[in-house]
Amino acid sequence: MKKSYLIALFAFSSMLMADGASIYASKCASCHGAHGEKSALGKSKVIAGQDTATSIKQIQGYKAGTLNMYGMGGAMKNMVKGLDDASIREVANHIAKLK
């Protein structure tokens, strides 16, 4: 009984945790492209392949409201406001793998 409870709990918690690809698809792809290949709203640099540390720093800056690259601070703050540190790392890892 205890073992099956733990398995069910693990399966449920795994469903709640979004992976970087799904976060990217829901929060980023509409402006940056499905593969990070677009300049968001014709203003930003292409993010495909950007290193993880840079993406983390930028996303955290947008979330805190301290970064306003290309005049996109307000829009980006709204997009990333619900991301926790683990989700930020996941999406940053995904961006680094985009080509």
C-alpha atoms as a PDB file:
ATOM      1  CA  MET A   1       0.000   0.000   0.000  1.00  0.00           C
ATOM      2  CA  LYS A   2       2.715   2.455   1.003  1.00  0.00           C
ATOM      3  CA  LYS A   3       4.754   1.715  -2.138  1.00  0.00           C
ATOM      4  CA  SER A   4       1.807   2.250  -4.491  1.00  0.00           C
ATOM      5  CA  TYR A   5       0.978   5.517  -2.712  1.00  0.00           C
ATOM      6  CA  LEU A   6       4.526   6.782  -3.274  1.00  0.00           C
ATOM      7  CA  ILE A   7       4.455   5.768  -6.933  1.00  0.00           C
ATOM      8  CA  ALA A   8       1.146   7.587  -7.449  1.00  0.00           C
ATOM      9  CA  LEU A   9       2.422  10.659  -5.620  1.00  0.00           C
ATOM     10  CA  PHE A  10       5.580  10.725  -7.737  1.00  0.00           C
ATOM     11  CA  ALA A  11       3.601  10.352 -10.963  1.00  0.00           C
ATOM     12  CA  PHE A  12       1.248  13.172  -9.976  1.00  0.00           C
ATOM     13  CA  SER A  13       4.058  15.527  -8.945  1.00  0.00           C
ATOM     14  CA  SER A  14       5.894  14.807 -12.210  1.00  0.00           C
ATOM     15  CA  MET A  15       2.808  15.851 -14.158  1.00  0.00           C
ATOM     16  CA  LEU A  16       2.742  19.163 -12.296  1.00  0.00           C
ATOM     17  CA  MET A  17       6.350  19.964 -13.138  1.00  0.00           C
ATOM     18  CA  ALA A  18       6.644  21.354 -16.638  1.00  0.00           C
ATOM     19  CA  ASP A  19       9.707  20.600 -18.693  1.00  0.00           C
ATOM     20  CA  GLY A  20      11.673  23.291 -20.504  1.00  0.00           C
ATOM     21  CA  ALA A  21      10.230  22.442 -23.921  1.00  0.00           C
ATOM     22  CA  SER A  22       6.634  22.826 -22.781  1.00  0.00           C
ATOM     23  CA  ILE A  23       7.394  26.056 -20.905  1.00  0.00           C
ATOM     24  CA  TYR A  24       9.125  27.399 -24.005  1.00  0.00           C
ATOM     25  CA  ALA A  25       6.210  26.384 -26.232  1.00  0.00           C
ATOM     26  CA  SER A  26       3.655  28.120 -24.011  1.00  0.00           C
ATOM     27  CA  LYS A  27       5.601  31.237 -23.010  1.00  0.00           C
ATOM     28  CA  CYS A  28       8.300  31.929 -25.609  1.00  0.00           C
ATOM     29  CA  ALA A  29       7.615  30.402 -29.008  1.00  0.00           C
ATOM     30  CA  SER A  30       4.936  32.876 -30.069  1.00  0.00           C
ATOM     31  CA  CYS A  31       7.521  35.687 -30.225  1.00  0.00           C
ATOM     32  CA  HIS A  32      10.885  33.885 -30.451  1.00  0.00           C
ATOM     33  CA  GLY A  33       9.774  31.127 -32.856  1.00  0.00           C
ATOM     34  CA  ALA A  34       9.400  27.396 -32.314  1.00  0.00           C
ATOM     35  CA  HIS A  35      13.180  26.952 -32.455  1.00  0.00           C
ATOM     36  CA  GLY A  36      14.291  30.323 -31.066  1.00  0.00           C
ATOM     37  CA  GLU A  37      15.051  31.416 -34.604  1.00  0.00           C
ATOM     38  CA  LYS A  38      13.122  34.708 -34.645  1.00  0.00           C
ATOM     39  CA  SER A  39      13.913  38.186 -33.457  1.00  0.00           C
ATOM     40  CA  ALA A  40      11.054  38.755 -30.997  1.00  0.00           C
ATOM     41  CA  LEU A  41       8.769  41.432 -32.421  1.00  0.00           C
ATOM     42  CA  GLY A  42      11.654  42.415 -34.694  1.00  0.00           C
ATOM     43  CA  LYS A  43      13.558  43.848 -31.720  1.00  0.00           C
ATOM     44  CA  SER A  44      15.600  41.188 -29.941  1.00  0.00           C
ATOM     45  CA  LYS A  45      18.508  38.996 -30.921  1.00  0.00           C
ATOM     46  CA  VAL A  46      17.829  35.400 -31.919  1.00  0.00           C
ATOM     47  CA  ILE A  47      18.012  33.263 -28.759  1.00  0.00           C
ATOM     48  CA  ALA A  48      18.554  29.792 -30.277  1.00  0.00           C
ATOM     49  CA  GLY A  49      21.658  28.251 -28.721  1.00  0.00           C
ATOM     50  CA  GLN A  50      22.138  31.008 -26.163  1.00  0.00           C
ATOM     51  CA  ASP A  51      24.076  29.637 -23.188  1.00  0.00           C
ATOM     52  CA  THR A  52      22.101  28.590 -20.137  1.00  0.00           C
ATOM     53  CA  ALA A  53      23.727  31.054 -17.720  1.00  0.00           C
ATOM     54  CA  THR A  54      22.904  34.040 -19.946  1.00  0.00           C
ATOM     55  CA  SER A  55      19.280  32.951 -20.350  1.00  0.00           C
ATOM     56  CA  ILE A  56      18.885  32.427 -16.605  1.00  0.00           C
ATOM     57  CA  LYS A  57      20.338  35.854 -15.847  1.00  0.00           C
ATOM     58  CA  GLN A  58      18.100  37.535 -18.423  1.00  0.00           C
ATOM     59  CA  ILE A  59      14.908  35.747 -17.374  1.00  0.00           C
ATOM     60  CA  GLN A  60      15.585  36.536 -13.712  1.00  0.00           C
ATOM     61  CA  GLY A  61      16.211  40.172 -14.629  1.00  0.00           C
ATOM     62  CA  TYR A  62      12.958  40.404 -16.562  1.00  0.00           C
ATOM     63  CA  LYS A  63      11.081  38.712 -13.717  1.00  0.00           C
ATOM     64  CA  ALA A  64      12.538  41.150 -11.157  1.00  0.00           C
ATOM     65  CA  GLY A  65      11.784  44.105 -13.420  1.00  0.00           C
ATOM     66  CA  THR A  66      15.453  45.130 -13.525  1.00  0.00           C
ATOM     67  CA  LEU A  67      16.073  44.283 -17.193  1.00  0.00           C
ATOM     68  CA  ASN A  68      14.592  46.129 -20.155  1.00  0.00           C
ATOM     69  CA  MET A  69      16.567  44.928 -23.173  1.00  0.00           C
ATOM     70  CA  TYR A  70      15.240  46.259 -26.487  1.00  0.00           C
ATOM     71  CA  GLY A  71      12.405  47.974 -24.599  1.00  0.00           C
ATOM     72  CA  MET A  72      10.817  44.585 -23.900  1.00  0.00           C
ATOM     73  CA  GLY A  73      11.042  44.625 -20.097  1.00  0.00           C
ATOM     74  CA  GLY A  74       7.337  45.024 -19.432  1.00  0.00           C
ATOM     75  CA  ALA A  75       6.240  42.391 -21.930  1.00  0.00           C
ATOM     76  CA  MET A  76       8.883  39.938 -20.769  1.00  0.00           C
ATOM     77  CA  LYS A  77       8.121  40.532 -17.086  1.00  0.00           C
ATOM     78  CA  ASN A  78       4.527  39.586 -17.772  1.00  0.00           C
ATOM     79  CA  MET A  79       5.574  36.420 -19.632  1.00  0.00           C
ATOM     80  CA  VAL A  80       7.980  35.118 -16.962  1.00  0.00           C
ATOM     81  CA  LYS A  81       6.286  36.289 -13.761  1.00  0.00           C
ATOM     82  CA  GLY A  82       4.956  32.837 -12.861  1.00  0.00           C
ATOM     83  CA  LEU A  83       8.204  30.941 -13.372  1.00  0.00           C
ATOM     84  CA  ASP A  84      10.048  29.624 -10.331  1.00  0.00           C
ATOM     85  CA  ASP A  85      13.821  29.050 -10.284  1.00  0.00           C
ATOM     86  CA  ALA A  86      13.524  25.417 -11.401  1.00  0.00           C
ATOM     87  CA  SER A  87      11.313  26.375 -14.354  1.00  0.00           C
ATOM     88  CA  ILE A  88      13.684  29.179 -15.331  1.00  0.00           C
ATOM     89  CA  ARG A  89      16.569  26.703 -15.378  1.00  0.00           C
ATOM     90  CA  GLU A  90      14.545  24.196 -17.414  1.00  0.00           C
ATOM     91  CA  VAL A  91      13.579  26.723 -20.088  1.00  0.00           C
ATOM     92  CA  ALA A  92      17.128  28.121 -20.177  1.00  0.00           C
ATOM     93  CA  ASN A  93      18.507  24.614 -20.724  1.00  0.00           C
ATOM     94  CA  HIS A  94      15.994  24.135 -23.538  1.00  0.00           C
ATOM     95  CA  ILE A  95      16.975  27.419 -25.210  1.00  0.00           C
ATOM     96  CA  ALA A  96      20.642  26.357 -25.122  1.00  0.00           C
ATOM     97  CA  LYS A  97      19.764  23.204 -27.085  1.00  0.00           C
ATOM     98  CA  LEU A  98      17.813  25.019 -29.811  1.00  0.00           C
ATOM     99  CA  LYS A  99      19.450  25.291 -33.222  1.00  0.00           C
END
